[in-house]
Amino acid sequence: FVYQLSSDHPLQSAVRGLKNVVYVGDRIDETGQVAHYVIPVDHPLETWNDHEPLDGLYLIQQPTIRPLYDSRSFEQSMIQWMTLDGATPRYAGDESLWFEYVQNYWKSNIIRGSLIKKNNKFFINYKNK
């Protein structure tokens, strides 16, 4: 966000004056350059996700490539950080569980069915609970 602000914007000097600035991203850009800690995350093409671009239109995003570097998705990092604080311990340490989280959200809120893995392919099961 540093790039988008004018150099005399008050937030610029406020960020630069902070004791600890943590930046989460897939590259060191202008914001990453002013951070004290840079936490790498996967590129969006390397991770599962879901979107609602229009009301009522839901999309699942499947990774198109394996992670190129030793990183994880922002969402998986959030799950990991929550476990450090004692929350959601069942998600600790397993990189595949962000997919499980997305799957469970879809099962309970979107399709009320399930995604079934068969022969390394995923299928939607529309059976009601």
Protein backbone atom coordinates (compact mmCIF):
# COMPACT_ATOMS: atom_id res chain seq x y z
CA PHE A 1 0.00 0.00 0.00
CA VAL A 2 3.05 2.28 0.38
CA TYR A 3 3.32 2.54 -3.42
CA GLN A 4 -0.23 3.85 -3.73
CA LEU A 5 0.19 6.67 -1.21
CA SER A 6 1.81 9.98 -2.00
CA SER A 7 5.19 10.49 -0.29
CA ASP A 8 3.75 13.24 1.93
CA HIS A 9 0.74 11.18 3.06
CA PRO A 10 0.64 10.98 6.90
CA LEU A 11 0.34 7.20 6.80
CA GLN A 12 3.74 6.96 5.08
CA SER A 13 5.55 8.51 8.03
CA ALA A 14 3.35 6.61 10.51
CA VAL A 15 4.32 3.24 8.98
CA ARG A 16 7.98 4.17 8.86
CA GLY A 17 7.83 5.19 12.54
CA LEU A 18 6.40 1.89 13.81
CA LYS A 19 8.58 -0.37 15.91
CA ASN A 20 7.50 -3.54 14.06
CA VAL A 21 6.04 -3.73 10.58
CA VAL A 22 5.13 -7.18 9.26
CA TYR A 23 4.49 -7.56 5.53
CA VAL A 24 2.84 -10.64 4.03
CA GLY A 25 3.23 -10.99 0.28
CA ASP A 26 4.71 -12.88 -2.62
CA ARG A 27 7.39 -10.28 -3.41
CA ILE A 28 9.33 -7.51 -1.77
CA ASP A 29 7.69 -4.42 -3.18
CA GLU A 30 7.61 -0.87 -1.81
CA THR A 31 5.65 -1.95 1.27
CA GLY A 32 7.95 -4.91 1.86
CA GLN A 33 10.95 -2.61 1.74
CA VAL A 34 9.74 -0.60 4.77
CA ALA A 35 8.81 -3.74 6.75
CA HIS A 36 10.94 -5.21 9.51
CA TYR A 37 9.65 -8.71 8.76
CA VAL A 38 8.63 -10.08 5.38
CA ILE A 39 6.58 -13.28 5.41
CA PRO A 40 6.46 -14.97 2.00
CA VAL A 41 3.17 -16.41 0.81
CA ASP A 42 2.21 -18.49 -2.18
CA HIS A 43 1.17 -16.82 -5.39
CA PRO A 44 -2.61 -17.11 -5.89
CA LEU A 45 -2.00 -19.68 -8.65
CA GLU A 46 -0.33 -21.96 -6.07
CA THR A 47 -3.18 -22.28 -3.57
CA TRP A 48 -6.81 -23.21 -2.99
CA ASN A 49 -9.33 -20.44 -2.45
CA ASP A 50 -12.90 -19.48 -3.06
CA HIS A 51 -14.55 -16.34 -4.37
CA GLU A 52 -17.94 -14.70 -4.71
CA PRO A 53 -17.45 -12.24 -7.61
CA LEU A 54 -21.20 -11.54 -7.82
CA ASP A 55 -23.92 -12.10 -5.26
CA GLY A 56 -24.86 -15.77 -5.41
CA LEU A 57 -22.05 -16.77 -7.82
CA TYR A 58 -19.52 -18.90 -5.96
CA LEU A 59 -16.26 -20.15 -7.41
CA ILE A 60 -13.60 -22.54 -6.13
CA GLN A 61 -10.04 -21.75 -7.13
CA GLN A 62 -7.83 -24.80 -7.56
CA PRO A 63 -4.04 -24.47 -7.61
CA THR A 64 -2.67 -24.53 -11.14
CA ILE A 65 0.95 -25.11 -10.11
CA ARG A 66 2.80 -26.48 -7.10
CA PRO A 67 4.41 -23.87 -4.84
CA LEU A 68 7.67 -22.73 -6.39
CA TYR A 69 9.32 -21.83 -3.10
CA ASP A 70 9.20 -22.83 0.55
CA SER A 71 6.07 -20.82 1.33
CA ARG A 72 2.43 -21.34 2.18
CA SER A 73 -0.79 -19.50 1.47
CA PHE A 74 -1.76 -16.46 3.51
CA GLU A 75 -4.80 -18.36 4.76
CA GLN A 76 -2.71 -21.35 5.86
CA SER A 77 -0.41 -18.94 7.70
CA MET A 78 -3.43 -17.45 9.49
CA ILE A 79 -4.47 -20.95 10.59
CA GLN A 80 -0.93 -21.64 11.81
CA TRP A 81 -0.78 -18.34 13.73
CA MET A 82 -4.15 -19.04 15.35
CA THR A 83 -2.80 -22.35 16.64
CA LEU A 84 0.04 -20.49 18.33
CA ASP A 85 -2.62 -18.67 20.32
CA GLY A 86 -4.45 -21.89 21.17
CA ALA A 87 -7.22 -21.64 18.57
CA THR A 88 -8.14 -24.28 15.94
CA PRO A 89 -5.49 -26.82 16.98
CA ARG A 90 -6.66 -29.45 14.49
CA TYR A 91 -5.29 -27.35 11.64
CA ALA A 92 -1.77 -27.22 13.06
CA GLY A 93 1.06 -28.34 10.86
CA ASP A 94 -0.80 -29.73 7.87
CA GLU A 95 -0.54 -27.64 4.72
CA SER A 96 -3.41 -29.52 3.07
CA LEU A 97 -5.89 -28.40 5.71
CA TRP A 98 -6.55 -24.99 4.14
CA PHE A 99 -8.22 -27.01 1.40
CA GLU A 100 -10.13 -28.89 4.11
CA TYR A 101 -11.25 -25.59 5.61
CA VAL A 102 -12.50 -24.36 2.21
CA GLN A 103 -14.20 -27.71 1.60
CA ASN A 104 -15.96 -27.65 4.96
CA TYR A 105 -17.12 -24.08 4.42
CA TRP A 106 -18.60 -25.07 1.06
CA LYS A 107 -20.23 -28.17 2.53
CA SER A 108 -21.93 -26.19 5.28
CA ASN A 109 -22.68 -22.91 3.50
CA ILE A 110 -22.60 -23.19 -0.28
CA ILE A 111 -23.62 -26.55 -1.74
CA ARG A 112 -24.58 -28.45 1.40
CA GLY A 113 -22.96 -31.51 -0.18
CA SER A 114 -19.34 -32.52 -0.26
CA LEU A 115 -16.28 -32.63 -2.45
CA ILE A 116 -15.24 -36.21 -3.02
CA LYS A 117 -11.71 -37.18 -3.99
CA LYS A 118 -11.63 -40.18 -6.29
CA ASN A 119 -8.60 -41.18 -8.37
CA ASN A 120 -6.93 -37.84 -7.54
CA LYS A 121 -9.90 -35.89 -8.96
CA PHE A 122 -12.45 -33.90 -7.00
CA PHE A 123 -16.17 -34.23 -7.58
CA ILE A 124 -19.09 -32.38 -6.03
CA ASN A 125 -21.59 -34.59 -4.28
CA TYR A 126 -24.93 -32.78 -4.19
CA LYS A 127 -26.59 -35.14 -1.70
CA ASN A 128 -28.40 -33.29 1.07
CA LYS A 129 -27.22 -33.75 4.63
